[in-house]
Amino acid sequence: VQLQASGGGLVQAGGSLRLSCAASGRGYTMGWFRQAPGKEREFVAVIRWNGGRTYYADSVKGRFTISRDNAKSTVYLQMNSLKPEDTAVYYCVASSSVILPNLEVPSAYAYWGQGTQVTVSS
């Protein structure tokens, strides 16, 4: 499956951005990871295909919302109250088989998008 992410950009602290990721296939658990300069790739949020259950990293709970439109095979990440520490390249991911204990593990996702830069200025 191919993933096409969009929506990154530059925003001031406290602002909002919405990321989108369109998949070329259907039926995948989809989500987002991010990687800041000099840091490891980290889990942000994921949403199940079936039932739409969502999972978030503690660092973004209450500020970010992940949602999806199954008819369009598209997942969205609404990011509010952005902080400078949210600055990173955000990657869309997809998996047909990821299980709960591994949701935050990058290697559990077979498909990765190209990444989109999010920069939050202070």
PDB file of N, CA and C in Angstrom:
ATOM      1  N   VAL A   1       0.835  -1.177   0.000  1.00  0.00           N
ATOM      2  CA  VAL A   1       0.000   0.000   0.000  1.00  0.00           C
ATOM      3  C   VAL A   1       0.874   1.233   0.000  1.00  0.00           C
ATOM      4  N   GLN A   2       0.433   2.280  -0.679  1.00  0.00           N
ATOM      5  CA  GLN A   2       1.168   3.552  -0.701  1.00  0.00           C
ATOM      6  C   GLN A   2       0.441   4.564   0.157  1.00  0.00           C
ATOM      7  N   LEU A   3       1.229   5.375   0.875  1.00  0.00           N
ATOM      8  CA  LEU A   3       0.684   6.380   1.770  1.00  0.00           C
ATOM      9  C   LEU A   3       1.153   7.752   1.323  1.00  0.00           C
ATOM     10  N   GLN A   4       0.229   8.676   1.220  1.00  0.00           N
ATOM     11  CA  GLN A   4       0.550  10.037   0.800  1.00  0.00           C
ATOM     12  C   GLN A   4       0.110  11.000   1.887  1.00  0.00           C
ATOM     13  N   ALA A   5       1.100  11.581   2.572  1.00  0.00           N
ATOM     14  CA  ALA A   5       0.816  12.498   3.675  1.00  0.00           C
ATOM     15  C   ALA A   5       0.903  13.941   3.209  1.00  0.00           C
ATOM     16  N   SER A   6       0.135  14.790   3.873  1.00  0.00           N
ATOM     17  CA  SER A   6       0.168  16.219   3.565  1.00  0.00           C
ATOM     18  C   SER A   6      -0.290  17.006   4.784  1.00  0.00           C
ATOM     19  N   GLY A   7      -0.063  18.319   4.750  1.00  0.00           N
ATOM     20  CA  GLY A   7      -0.605  19.180   5.781  1.00  0.00           C
ATOM     21  C   GLY A   7       0.392  19.763   6.759  1.00  0.00           C
ATOM     22  N   GLY A   8       1.646  19.396   6.643  1.00  0.00           N
ATOM     23  CA  GLY A   8       2.633  19.962   7.555  1.00  0.00           C
ATOM     24  C   GLY A   8       2.874  21.436   7.271  1.00  0.00           C
ATOM     25  N   GLY A   9       3.666  22.069   8.134  1.00  0.00           N
ATOM     26  CA  GLY A   9       3.970  23.468   7.925  1.00  0.00           C
ATOM     27  C   GLY A   9       4.559  24.105   9.151  1.00  0.00           C
ATOM     28  N   LEU A  10       4.592  25.430   9.124  1.00  0.00           N
ATOM     29  CA  LEU A  10       5.139  26.216  10.225  1.00  0.00           C
ATOM     30  C   LEU A  10       3.999  26.904  10.955  1.00  0.00           C
ATOM     31  N   VAL A  11       3.992  26.793  12.267  1.00  0.00           N
ATOM     32  CA  VAL A  11       2.926  27.401  13.065  1.00  0.00           C
ATOM     33  C   VAL A  11       3.526  27.904  14.373  1.00  0.00           C
ATOM     34  N   GLN A  12       2.911  28.907  14.948  1.00  0.00           N
ATOM     35  CA  GLN A  12       3.365  29.402  16.241  1.00  0.00           C
ATOM     36  C   GLN A  12       2.852  28.513  17.364  1.00  0.00           C
ATOM     37  N   ALA A  13       3.550  28.537  18.469  1.00  0.00           N
ATOM     38  CA  ALA A  13       3.123  27.774  19.633  1.00  0.00           C
ATOM     39  C   ALA A  13       1.699  28.165  20.005  1.00  0.00           C
ATOM     40  N   GLY A  14       0.903  27.150  20.326  1.00  0.00           N
ATOM     41  CA  GLY A  14      -0.506  27.374  20.638  1.00  0.00           C
ATOM     42  C   GLY A  14      -1.420  27.254  19.436  1.00  0.00           C
ATOM     43  N   GLY A  15      -0.832  27.185  18.250  1.00  0.00           N
ATOM     44  CA  GLY A  15      -1.618  27.078  17.030  1.00  0.00           C
ATOM     45  C   GLY A  15      -2.027  25.652  16.710  1.00  0.00           C
ATOM     46  N   SER A  16      -2.619  25.502  15.535  1.00  0.00           N
ATOM     47  CA  SER A  16      -3.139  24.206  15.115  1.00  0.00           C
ATOM     48  C   SER A  16      -2.713  23.877  13.692  1.00  0.00           C
ATOM     49  N   LEU A  17      -2.630  22.592  13.432  1.00  0.00           N
ATOM     50  CA  LEU A  17      -2.404  22.070  12.088  1.00  0.00           C
ATOM     51  C   LEU A  17      -3.194  20.780  11.946  1.00  0.00           C
ATOM     52  N   ARG A  18      -3.536  20.439  10.705  1.00  0.00           N
ATOM     53  CA  ARG A  18      -4.163  19.154  10.457  1.00  0.00           C
ATOM     54  C   ARG A  18      -3.374  18.415   9.380  1.00  0.00           C
ATOM     55  N   LEU A  19      -2.954  17.221   9.729  1.00  0.00           N
ATOM     56  CA  LEU A  19      -2.274  16.349   8.781  1.00  0.00           C
ATOM     57  C   LEU A  19      -3.276  15.376   8.171  1.00  0.00           C
ATOM     58  N   SER A  20      -3.039  15.037   6.925  1.00  0.00           N
ATOM     59  CA  SER A  20      -3.864  14.035   6.241  1.00  0.00           C
ATOM     60  C   SER A  20      -2.959  12.966   5.645  1.00  0.00           C
ATOM     61  N   CYS A  21      -3.482  11.773   5.541  1.00  0.00           N
ATOM     62  CA  CYS A  21      -2.735  10.691   4.917  1.00  0.00           C
ATOM     63  C   CYS A  21      -3.715   9.813   4.161  1.00  0.00           C
ATOM     64  N   ALA A  22      -3.525   9.724   2.865  1.00  0.00           N
ATOM     65  CA  ALA A  22      -4.380   8.894   2.025  1.00  0.00           C
ATOM     66  C   ALA A  22      -3.662   7.595   1.689  1.00  0.00           C
ATOM     67  N   ALA A  23      -4.372   6.487   1.862  1.00  0.00           N
ATOM     68  CA  ALA A  23      -3.812   5.175   1.559  1.00  0.00           C
ATOM     69  C   ALA A  23      -4.368   4.651   0.240  1.00  0.00           C
ATOM     70  N   SER A  24      -3.557   3.884  -0.452  1.00  0.00           N
ATOM     71  CA  SER A  24      -4.004   3.334  -1.737  1.00  0.00           C
ATOM     72  C   SER A  24      -4.818   2.065  -1.556  1.00  0.00           C
ATOM     73  N   GLY A  25      -4.884   1.547  -0.324  1.00  0.00           N
ATOM     74  CA  GLY A  25      -5.668   0.358  -0.048  1.00  0.00           C
ATOM     75  C   GLY A  25      -6.592   0.589   1.127  1.00  0.00           C
ATOM     76  N   ARG A  26      -7.369  -0.449   1.442  1.00  0.00           N
ATOM     77  CA  ARG A  26      -8.322  -0.312   2.534  1.00  0.00           C
ATOM     78  C   ARG A  26      -8.096  -1.394   3.580  1.00  0.00           C
ATOM     79  N   GLY A  27      -8.664  -1.145   4.756  1.00  0.00           N
ATOM     80  CA  GLY A  27      -8.640  -2.176   5.790  1.00  0.00           C
ATOM     81  C   GLY A  27      -7.434  -2.163   6.697  1.00  0.00           C
ATOM     82  N   TYR A  28      -6.668  -1.082   6.704  1.00  0.00           N
ATOM     83  CA  TYR A  28      -5.448  -1.020   7.508  1.00  0.00           C
ATOM     84  C   TYR A  28      -5.641  -0.202   8.774  1.00  0.00           C
ATOM     85  N   THR A  29      -4.995  -0.634   9.837  1.00  0.00           N
ATOM     86  CA  THR A  29      -4.799   0.245  10.981  1.00  0.00           C
ATOM     87  C   THR A  29      -3.808   1.316  10.540  1.00  0.00           C
ATOM     88  N   MET A  30      -4.144   2.569  10.802  1.00  0.00           N
ATOM     89  CA  MET A  30      -3.288   3.668  10.336  1.00  0.00           C
ATOM     90  C   MET A  30      -2.983   4.614  11.471  1.00  0.00           C
ATOM     91  N   GLY A  31      -1.868   5.301  11.341  1.00  0.00           N
ATOM     92  CA  GLY A  31      -1.509   6.226  12.409  1.00  0.00           C
ATOM     93  C   GLY A  31      -0.326   7.094  12.035  1.00  0.00           C
ATOM     94  N   TRP A  32       0.282   7.646  13.098  1.00  0.00           N
ATOM     95  CA  TRP A  32       1.384   8.588  12.913  1.00  0.00           C
ATOM     96  C   TRP A  32       2.500   8.335  13.904  1.00  0.00           C
ATOM     97  N   PHE A  33       3.704   8.446  13.406  1.00  0.00           N
ATOM     98  CA  PHE A  33       4.906   8.525  14.214  1.00  0.00           C
ATOM     99  C   PHE A  33       5.571   9.862  13.893  1.00  0.00           C
ATOM    100  N   ARG A  34       6.519  10.251  14.725  1.00  0.00           N
ATOM    101  CA  ARG A  34       7.275  11.466  14.441  1.00  0.00           C
ATOM    102  C   ARG A  34       8.733  11.285  14.852  1.00  0.00           C
ATOM    103  N   GLN A  35       9.576  12.084  14.220  1.00  0.00           N
ATOM    104  CA  GLN A  35      10.999  12.033  14.555  1.00  0.00           C
ATOM    105  C   GLN A  35      11.567  13.441  14.527  1.00  0.00           C
ATOM    106  N   ALA A  36      12.064  13.855  15.684  1.00  0.00           N
ATOM    107  CA  ALA A  36      12.722  15.150  15.818  1.00  0.00           C
ATOM    108  C   ALA A  36      14.214  14.971  15.573  1.00  0.00           C
ATOM    109  N   PRO A  37      14.907  16.042  15.200  1.00  0.00           N
ATOM    110  CA  PRO A  37      16.347  15.952  14.935  1.00  0.00           C
ATOM    111  C   PRO A  37      17.097  15.401  16.139  1.00  0.00           C
ATOM    112  N   GLY A  38      17.925  14.388  15.899  1.00  0.00           N
ATOM    113  CA  GLY A  38      18.723  13.813  16.961  1.00  0.00           C
ATOM    114  C   GLY A  38      17.983  12.890  17.901  1.00  0.00           C
ATOM    115  N   LYS A  39      16.720  12.625  17.600  1.00  0.00           N
ATOM    116  CA  LYS A  39      15.923  11.757  18.475  1.00  0.00           C
ATOM    117  C   LYS A  39      15.431  10.544  17.716  1.00  0.00           C
ATOM    118  N   GLU A  40      14.998   9.554  18.479  1.00  0.00           N
ATOM    119  CA  GLU A  40      14.446   8.356  17.864  1.00  0.00           C
ATOM    120  C   GLU A  40      13.008   8.618  17.404  1.00  0.00           C
ATOM    121  N   ARG A  41      12.606   7.800  16.483  1.00  0.00           N
ATOM    122  CA  ARG A  41      11.237   7.879  16.005  1.00  0.00           C
ATOM    123  C   ARG A  41      10.291   7.480  17.137  1.00  0.00           C
ATOM    124  N   GLU A  42       9.211   8.245  17.327  1.00  0.00           N
ATOM    125  CA  GLU A  42       8.302   7.958  18.429  1.00  0.00           C
ATOM    126  C   GLU A  42       6.854   7.908  17.955  1.00  0.00           C
ATOM    127  N   PHE A  43       6.105   7.092  18.649  1.00  0.00           N
ATOM    128  CA  PHE A  43       4.691   6.902  18.387  1.00  0.00           C
ATOM    129  C   PHE A  43       3.911   8.163  18.741  1.00  0.00           C
ATOM    130  N   VAL A  44       2.911   8.497  17.915  1.00  0.00           N
ATOM    131  CA  VAL A  44       2.041   9.637  18.191  1.00  0.00           C
ATOM    132  C   VAL A  44       0.602   9.167  18.429  1.00  0.00           C
ATOM    133  N   ALA A  45       0.007   8.531  17.437  1.00  0.00           N
ATOM    134  CA  ALA A  45      -1.386   8.096  17.553  1.00  0.00           C
ATOM    135  C   ALA A  45      -1.682   7.071  16.476  1.00  0.00           C
ATOM    136  N   VAL A  46      -2.706   6.247  16.728  1.00  0.00           N
ATOM    137  CA  VAL A  46      -3.121   5.250  15.753  1.00  0.00           C
ATOM    138  C   VAL A  46      -4.619   5.038  15.870  1.00  0.00           C
ATOM    139  N   ILE A  47      -5.235   4.625  14.784  1.00  0.00           N
ATOM    140  CA  ILE A  47      -6.668   4.362  14.772  1.00  0.00           C
ATOM    141  C   ILE A  47      -6.924   3.057  14.030  1.00  0.00           C
ATOM    142  N   ARG A  48      -7.758   2.238  14.600  1.00  0.00           N
ATOM    143  CA  ARG A  48      -8.096   0.961  13.989  1.00  0.00           C
ATOM    144  C   ARG A  48      -9.037   1.152  12.809  1.00  0.00           C
ATOM    145  N   TRP A  49      -8.924   0.245  11.834  1.00  0.00           N
ATOM    146  CA  TRP A  49      -9.855   0.263  10.706  1.00  0.00           C
ATOM    147  C   TRP A  49     -11.243  -0.128  11.174  1.00  0.00           C
ATOM    148  N   ASN A  50     -11.290  -1.202  11.964  1.00  0.00           N
ATOM    149  CA  ASN A  50     -12.572  -1.754  12.419  1.00  0.00           C
ATOM    150  C   ASN A  50     -12.966  -1.140  13.748  1.00  0.00           C
ATOM    151  N   GLY A  51     -13.994  -0.357  13.763  1.00  0.00           N
ATOM    152  CA  GLY A  51     -14.465   0.213  15.024  1.00  0.00           C
ATOM    153  C   GLY A  51     -13.869   1.558  15.346  1.00  0.00           C
ATOM    154  N   GLY A  52     -12.733   1.882  14.712  1.00  0.00           N
ATOM    155  CA  GLY A  52     -12.159   3.207  14.900  1.00  0.00           C
ATOM    156  C   GLY A  52     -11.575   3.485  16.265  1.00  0.00           C
ATOM    157  N   ARG A  53     -11.194   2.443  17.004  1.00  0.00           N
ATOM    158  CA  ARG A  53     -10.599   2.698  18.320  1.00  0.00           C
ATOM    159  C   ARG A  53      -9.282   3.452  18.140  1.00  0.00           C
ATOM    160  N   THR A  54      -9.043   4.374  19.062  1.00  0.00           N
ATOM    161  CA  THR A  54      -7.856   5.222  18.960  1.00  0.00           C
ATOM    162  C   THR A  54      -6.917   5.041  20.139  1.00  0.00           C
ATOM    163  N   TYR A  55      -5.654   5.309  19.883  1.00  0.00           N
ATOM    164  CA  TYR A  55      -4.608   5.224  20.905  1.00  0.00           C
ATOM    165  C   TYR A  55      -3.673   6.420  20.707  1.00  0.00           C
ATOM    166  N   TYR A  56      -3.234   6.986  21.826  1.00  0.00           N
ATOM    167  CA  TYR A  56      -2.392   8.174  21.767  1.00  0.00           C
ATOM    168  C   TYR A  56      -1.177   8.049  22.674  1.00  0.00           C
ATOM    169  N   ALA A  57      -0.112   8.714  22.280  1.00  0.00           N
ATOM    170  CA  ALA A  57       1.023   8.876  23.181  1.00  0.00           C
ATOM    171  C   ALA A  57       0.618   9.840  24.284  1.00  0.00           C
ATOM    172  N   ASP A  58       1.142   9.638  25.467  1.00  0.00           N
ATOM    173  CA  ASP A  58       0.796  10.509  26.592  1.00  0.00           C
ATOM    174  C   ASP A  58       1.113  11.972  26.292  1.00  0.00           C
ATOM    175  N   SER A  59       2.155  12.200  25.526  1.00  0.00           N
ATOM    176  CA  SER A  59       2.605  13.559  25.253  1.00  0.00           C
ATOM    177  C   SER A  59       1.630  14.358  24.391  1.00  0.00           C
ATOM    178  N   VAL A  60       0.701  13.678  23.723  1.00  0.00           N
ATOM    179  CA  VAL A  60      -0.230  14.399  22.835  1.00  0.00           C
ATOM    180  C   VAL A  60      -1.688  14.248  23.263  1.00  0.00           C
ATOM    181  N   LYS A  61      -1.955  13.446  24.267  1.00  0.00           N
ATOM    182  CA  LYS A  61      -3.337  13.252  24.716  1.00  0.00           C
ATOM    183  C   LYS A  61      -3.961  14.579  25.108  1.00  0.00           C
ATOM    184  N   GLY A  62      -5.194  14.779  24.664  1.00  0.00           N
ATOM    185  CA  GLY A  62      -5.896  16.009  24.974  1.00  0.00           C
ATOM    186  C   GLY A  62      -5.601  17.148  24.019  1.00  0.00           C
ATOM    187  N   ARG A  63      -4.579  16.997  23.203  1.00  0.00           N
ATOM    188  CA  ARG A  63      -4.226  18.055  22.237  1.00  0.00           C
ATOM    189  C   ARG A  63      -4.397  17.588  20.795  1.00  0.00           C
ATOM    190  N   PHE A  64      -4.099  16.330  20.526  1.00  0.00           N
ATOM    191  CA  PHE A  64      -4.196  15.769  19.177  1.00  0.00           C
ATOM    192  C   PHE A  64      -5.401  14.848  19.091  1.00  0.00           C
ATOM    193  N   THR A  65      -6.016  14.830  17.912  1.00  0.00           N
ATOM    194  CA  THR A  65      -7.129  13.922  17.659  1.00  0.00           C
ATOM    195  C   THR A  65      -6.914  13.230  16.319  1.00  0.00           C
ATOM    196  N   ILE A  66      -6.943  11.907  16.352  1.00  0.00           N
ATOM    197  CA  ILE A  66      -6.832  11.142  15.118  1.00  0.00           C
ATOM    198  C   ILE A  66      -8.216  10.669  14.706  1.00  0.00           C
ATOM    199  N   SER A  67      -8.475  10.719  13.423  1.00  0.00           N
ATOM    200  CA  SER A  67      -9.771  10.272  12.900  1.00  0.00           C
ATOM    201  C   SER A  67      -9.542   9.698  11.505  1.00  0.00           C
ATOM    202  N   ARG A  68     -10.572   9.085  10.978  1.00  0.00           N
ATOM    203  CA  ARG A  68     -10.407   8.511   9.641  1.00  0.00           C
ATOM    204  C   ARG A  68     -11.721   8.547   8.882  1.00  0.00           C
ATOM    205  N   ASP A  69     -11.577   8.535   7.570  1.00  0.00           N
ATOM    206  CA  ASP A  69     -12.707   8.416   6.657  1.00  0.00           C
ATOM    207  C   ASP A  69     -12.449   7.147   5.856  1.00  0.00           C
ATOM    208  N   ASN A  70     -13.113   6.080   6.225  1.00  0.00           N
ATOM    209  CA  ASN A  70     -12.851   4.791   5.588  1.00  0.00           C
ATOM    210  C   ASN A  70     -13.229   4.794   4.112  1.00  0.00           C
ATOM    211  N   ALA A  71     -14.241   5.553   3.760  1.00  0.00           N
ATOM    212  CA  ALA A  71     -14.651   5.605   2.359  1.00  0.00           C
ATOM    213  C   ALA A  71     -13.537   6.182   1.481  1.00  0.00           C
ATOM    214  N   LYS A  72     -12.725   7.057   2.086  1.00  0.00           N
ATOM    215  CA  LYS A  72     -11.620   7.678   1.353  1.00  0.00           C
ATOM    216  C   LYS A  72     -10.279   7.055   1.694  1.00  0.00           C
ATOM    217  N   SER A  73     -10.285   6.065   2.603  1.00  0.00           N
ATOM    218  CA  SER A  73      -9.027   5.460   3.064  1.00  0.00           C
ATOM    219  C   SER A  73      -8.040   6.530   3.511  1.00  0.00           C
ATOM    220  N   THR A  74      -8.540   7.483   4.241  1.00  0.00           N
ATOM    221  CA  THR A  74      -7.737   8.629   4.673  1.00  0.00           C
ATOM    222  C   THR A  74      -7.814   8.773   6.190  1.00  0.00           C
ATOM    223  N   VAL A  75      -6.668   9.062   6.784  1.00  0.00           N
ATOM    224  CA  VAL A  75      -6.598   9.315   8.211  1.00  0.00           C
ATOM    225  C   VAL A  75      -6.148  10.758   8.423  1.00  0.00           C
ATOM    226  N   TYR A  76      -6.650  11.361   9.490  1.00  0.00           N
ATOM    227  CA  TYR A  76      -6.353  12.747   9.799  1.00  0.00           C
ATOM    228  C   TYR A  76      -5.758  12.847  11.197  1.00  0.00           C
ATOM    229  N   LEU A  77      -4.891  13.828  11.377  1.00  0.00           N
ATOM    230  CA  LEU A  77      -4.369  14.124  12.705  1.00  0.00           C
ATOM    231  C   LEU A  77      -4.569  15.613  12.945  1.00  0.00           C
ATOM    232  N   GLN A  78      -5.548  15.927  13.768  1.00  0.00           N
ATOM    233  CA  GLN A  78      -5.798  17.309  14.151  1.00  0.00           C
ATOM    234  C   GLN A  78      -4.913  17.626  15.352  1.00  0.00           C
ATOM    235  N   MET A  79      -4.039  18.607  15.192  1.00  0.00           N
ATOM    236  CA  MET A  79      -3.083  18.950  16.237  1.00  0.00           C
ATOM    237  C   MET A  79      -3.382  20.349  16.747  1.00  0.00           C
ATOM    238  N   ASN A  80      -3.795  20.432  17.989  1.00  0.00           N
ATOM    239  CA  ASN A  80      -4.108  21.710  18.626  1.00  0.00           C
ATOM    240  C   ASN A  80      -3.120  22.000  19.750  1.00  0.00           C
ATOM    241  N   SER A  81      -3.099  23.236  20.187  1.00  0.00           N
ATOM    242  CA  SER A  81      -2.223  23.653  21.290  1.00  0.00           C
ATOM    243  C   SER A  81      -0.798  23.166  21.059  1.00  0.00           C
ATOM    244  N   LEU A  82      -0.318  23.389  19.869  1.00  0.00           N
ATOM    245  CA  LEU A  82       1.003  22.891  19.506  1.00  0.00           C
ATOM    246  C   LEU A  82       2.100  23.551  20.325  1.00  0.00           C
ATOM    247  N   LYS A  83       3.132  22.762  20.603  1.00  0.00           N
ATOM    248  CA  LYS A  83       4.273  23.207  21.397  1.00  0.00           C
ATOM    249  C   LYS A  83       5.548  23.078  20.561  1.00  0.00           C
ATOM    250  N   PRO A  84       6.562  23.842  20.892  1.00  0.00           N
ATOM    251  CA  PRO A  84       7.832  23.696  20.149  1.00  0.00           C
ATOM    252  C   PRO A  84       8.362  22.262  20.157  1.00  0.00           C
ATOM    253  N   GLU A  85       8.108  21.542  21.222  1.00  0.00           N
ATOM    254  CA  GLU A  85       8.586  20.153  21.278  1.00  0.00           C
ATOM    255  C   GLU A  85       7.816  19.207  20.368  1.00  0.00           C
ATOM    256  N   ASP A  86       6.765  19.693  19.729  1.00  0.00           N
ATOM    257  CA  ASP A  86       6.058  18.890  18.718  1.00  0.00           C
ATOM    258  C   ASP A  86       6.747  18.975  17.360  1.00  0.00           C
ATOM    259  N   THR A  87       7.746  19.838  17.254  1.00  0.00           N
ATOM    260  CA  THR A  87       8.477  19.978  15.998  1.00  0.00           C
ATOM    261  C   THR A  87       9.156  18.667  15.627  1.00  0.00           C
ATOM    262  N   ALA A  88       8.855  18.183  14.427  1.00  0.00           N
ATOM    263  CA  ALA A  88       9.382  16.900  13.978  1.00  0.00           C
ATOM    264  C   ALA A  88       8.920  16.641  12.547  1.00  0.00           C
ATOM    265  N   VAL A  89       9.486  15.622  11.960  1.00  0.00           N
ATOM    266  CA  VAL A  89       8.927  15.072  10.717  1.00  0.00           C
ATOM    267  C   VAL A  89       7.893  14.034  11.127  1.00  0.00           C
ATOM    268  N   TYR A  90       6.696  14.176  10.622  1.00  0.00           N
ATOM    269  CA  TYR A  90       5.607  13.271  10.964  1.00  0.00           C
ATOM    270  C   TYR A  90       5.414  12.272   9.830  1.00  0.00           C
ATOM    271  N   TYR A  91       5.358  11.002  10.207  1.00  0.00           N
ATOM    272  CA  TYR A  91       5.229   9.920   9.248  1.00  0.00           C
ATOM    273  C   TYR A  91       3.893   9.216   9.423  1.00  0.00           C
ATOM    274  N   CYS A  92       3.215   9.045   8.327  1.00  0.00           N
ATOM    275  CA  CYS A  92       2.005   8.229   8.311  1.00  0.00           C
ATOM    276  C   CYS A  92       2.404   6.765   8.194  1.00  0.00           C
ATOM    277  N   VAL A  93       1.704   5.898   8.934  1.00  0.00           N
ATOM    278  CA  VAL A  93       2.015   4.469   8.908  1.00  0.00           C
ATOM    279  C   VAL A  93       0.736   3.665   8.733  1.00  0.00           C
ATOM    280  N   ALA A  94       0.906   2.437   8.276  1.00  0.00           N
ATOM    281  CA  ALA A  94      -0.234   1.539   8.121  1.00  0.00           C
ATOM    282  C   ALA A  94       0.212   0.107   8.348  1.00  0.00           C
ATOM    283  N   SER A  95      -0.727  -0.673   8.862  1.00  0.00           N
ATOM    284  CA  SER A  95      -0.463  -2.081   9.084  1.00  0.00           C
ATOM    285  C   SER A  95      -1.758  -2.855   8.974  1.00  0.00           C
ATOM    286  N   SER A  96      -1.670  -4.076   8.442  1.00  0.00           N
ATOM    287  CA  SER A  96      -2.843  -4.939   8.377  1.00  0.00           C
ATOM    288  C   SER A  96      -2.890  -5.903   9.548  1.00  0.00           C
ATOM    289  N   SER A  97      -1.813  -5.909  10.372  1.00  0.00           N
ATOM    290  CA  SER A  97      -1.746  -6.970  11.386  1.00  0.00           C
ATOM    291  C   SER A  97      -1.189  -6.539  12.733  1.00  0.00           C
ATOM    292  N   VAL A  98      -1.033  -5.255  12.976  1.00  0.00           N
ATOM    293  CA  VAL A  98      -0.437  -4.830  14.241  1.00  0.00           C
ATOM    294  C   VAL A  98      -1.374  -5.157  15.396  1.00  0.00           C
ATOM    295  N   ILE A  99      -0.794  -5.662  16.479  1.00  0.00           N
ATOM    296  CA  ILE A  99      -1.595  -6.016  17.646  1.00  0.00           C
ATOM    297  C   ILE A  99      -1.311  -5.036  18.774  1.00  0.00           C
ATOM    298  N   LEU A 100      -2.192  -5.047  19.761  1.00  0.00           N
ATOM    299  CA  LEU A 100      -2.185  -4.023  20.804  1.00  0.00           C
ATOM    300  C   LEU A 100      -0.826  -3.835  21.483  1.00  0.00           C
ATOM    301  N   PRO A 101      -0.145  -4.892  21.890  1.00  0.00           N
ATOM    302  CA  PRO A 101       1.116  -4.633  22.601  1.00  0.00           C
ATOM    303  C   PRO A 101       2.171  -3.923  21.751  1.00  0.00           C
ATOM    304  N   ASN A 102       2.001  -3.958  20.444  1.00  0.00           N
ATOM    305  CA  ASN A 102       3.034  -3.427  19.557  1.00  0.00           C
ATOM    306  C   ASN A 102       2.638  -2.127  18.868  1.00  0.00           C
ATOM    307  N   LEU A 103       1.579  -1.511  19.314  1.00  0.00           N
ATOM    308  CA  LEU A 103       1.095  -0.325  18.610  1.00  0.00           C
ATOM    309  C   LEU A 103       2.125   0.784  18.571  1.00  0.00           C
ATOM    310  N   GLU A 104       2.990   0.861  19.573  1.00  0.00           N
ATOM    311  CA  GLU A 104       3.954   1.951  19.654  1.00  0.00           C
ATOM    312  C   GLU A 104       5.318   1.568  19.109  1.00  0.00           C
ATOM    313  N   VAL A 105       5.397   0.424  18.471  1.00  0.00           N
ATOM    314  CA  VAL A 105       6.672  -0.074  17.946  1.00  0.00           C
ATOM    315  C   VAL A 105       6.761   0.212  16.452  1.00  0.00           C
ATOM    316  N   PRO A 106       7.736   0.995  16.018  1.00  0.00           N
ATOM    317  CA  PRO A 106       7.823   1.346  14.591  1.00  0.00           C
ATOM    318  C   PRO A 106       7.884   0.135  13.662  1.00  0.00           C
ATOM    319  N   SER A 107       8.602  -0.890  14.061  1.00  0.00           N
ATOM    320  CA  SER A 107       8.765  -2.057  13.192  1.00  0.00           C
ATOM    321  C   SER A 107       7.485  -2.856  13.019  1.00  0.00           C
ATOM    322  N   ALA A 108       6.452  -2.563  13.785  1.00  0.00           N
ATOM    323  CA  ALA A 108       5.173  -3.261  13.645  1.00  0.00           C
ATOM    324  C   ALA A 108       4.381  -2.772  12.441  1.00  0.00           C
ATOM    325  N   TYR A 109       4.830  -1.697  11.833  1.00  0.00           N
ATOM    326  CA  TYR A 109       4.119  -1.110  10.694  1.00  0.00           C
ATOM    327  C   TYR A 109       4.913  -1.362   9.413  1.00  0.00           C
ATOM    328  N   ALA A 110       4.272  -2.033   8.478  1.00  0.00           N
ATOM    329  CA  ALA A 110       4.953  -2.409   7.242  1.00  0.00           C
ATOM    330  C   ALA A 110       5.018  -1.260   6.234  1.00  0.00           C
ATOM    331  N   TYR A 111       4.105  -0.318   6.390  1.00  0.00           N
ATOM    332  CA  TYR A 111       4.003   0.729   5.373  1.00  0.00           C
ATOM    333  C   TYR A 111       4.206   2.108   5.993  1.00  0.00           C
ATOM    334  N   TRP A 112       5.031   2.911   5.327  1.00  0.00           N
ATOM    335  CA  TRP A 112       5.369   4.249   5.816  1.00  0.00           C
ATOM    336  C   TRP A 112       5.222   5.256   4.681  1.00  0.00           C
ATOM    337  N   GLY A 113       4.683   6.418   5.028  1.00  0.00           N
ATOM    338  CA  GLY A 113       4.629   7.511   4.072  1.00  0.00           C
ATOM    339  C   GLY A 113       5.953   8.252   4.023  1.00  0.00           C
ATOM    340  N   GLN A 114       6.005   9.303   3.231  1.00  0.00           N
ATOM    341  CA  GLN A 114       7.257   9.999   2.967  1.00  0.00           C
ATOM    342  C   GLN A 114       7.632  10.991   4.061  1.00  0.00           C
ATOM    343  N   GLY A 115       6.725  11.305   4.963  1.00  0.00           N
ATOM    344  CA  GLY A 115       7.020  12.257   6.021  1.00  0.00           C
ATOM    345  C   GLY A 115       6.653  13.678   5.637  1.00  0.00           C
ATOM    346  N   THR A 116       6.151  14.397   6.618  1.00  0.00           N
ATOM    347  CA  THR A 116       5.821  15.806   6.403  1.00  0.00           C
ATOM    348  C   THR A 116       6.326  16.596   7.604  1.00  0.00           C
ATOM    349  N   GLN A 117       6.966  17.733   7.336  1.00  0.00           N
ATOM    350  CA  GLN A 117       7.598  18.513   8.396  1.00  0.00           C
ATOM    351  C   GLN A 117       6.578  19.379   9.121  1.00  0.00           C
ATOM    352  N   VAL A 118       6.629  19.307  10.437  1.00  0.00           N
ATOM    353  CA  VAL A 118       5.842  20.199  11.296  1.00  0.00           C
ATOM    354  C   VAL A 118       6.830  20.990  12.146  1.00  0.00           C
ATOM    355  N   THR A 119       6.759  22.300  12.064  1.00  0.00           N
ATOM    356  CA  THR A 119       7.644  23.166  12.836  1.00  0.00           C
ATOM    357  C   THR A 119       6.802  24.123  13.661  1.00  0.00           C
ATOM    358  N   VAL A 120       7.045  24.105  14.970  1.00  0.00           N
ATOM    359  CA  VAL A 120       6.311  24.964  15.894  1.00  0.00           C
ATOM    360  C   VAL A 120       7.294  25.960  16.485  1.00  0.00           C
ATOM    361  N   SER A 121       7.060  27.226  16.223  1.00  0.00           N
ATOM    362  CA  SER A 121       7.960  28.263  16.725  1.00  0.00           C
ATOM    363  C   SER A 121       7.469  28.776  18.076  1.00  0.00           C
ATOM    364  N   SER A 122       8.429  29.164  18.902  1.00  0.00           N
ATOM    365  CA  SER A 122       8.070  29.636  20.248  1.00  0.00           C
ATOM    366  C   SER A 122       7.827  31.136  20.256  1.00  0.00           C
TER     367      SER A 122
END
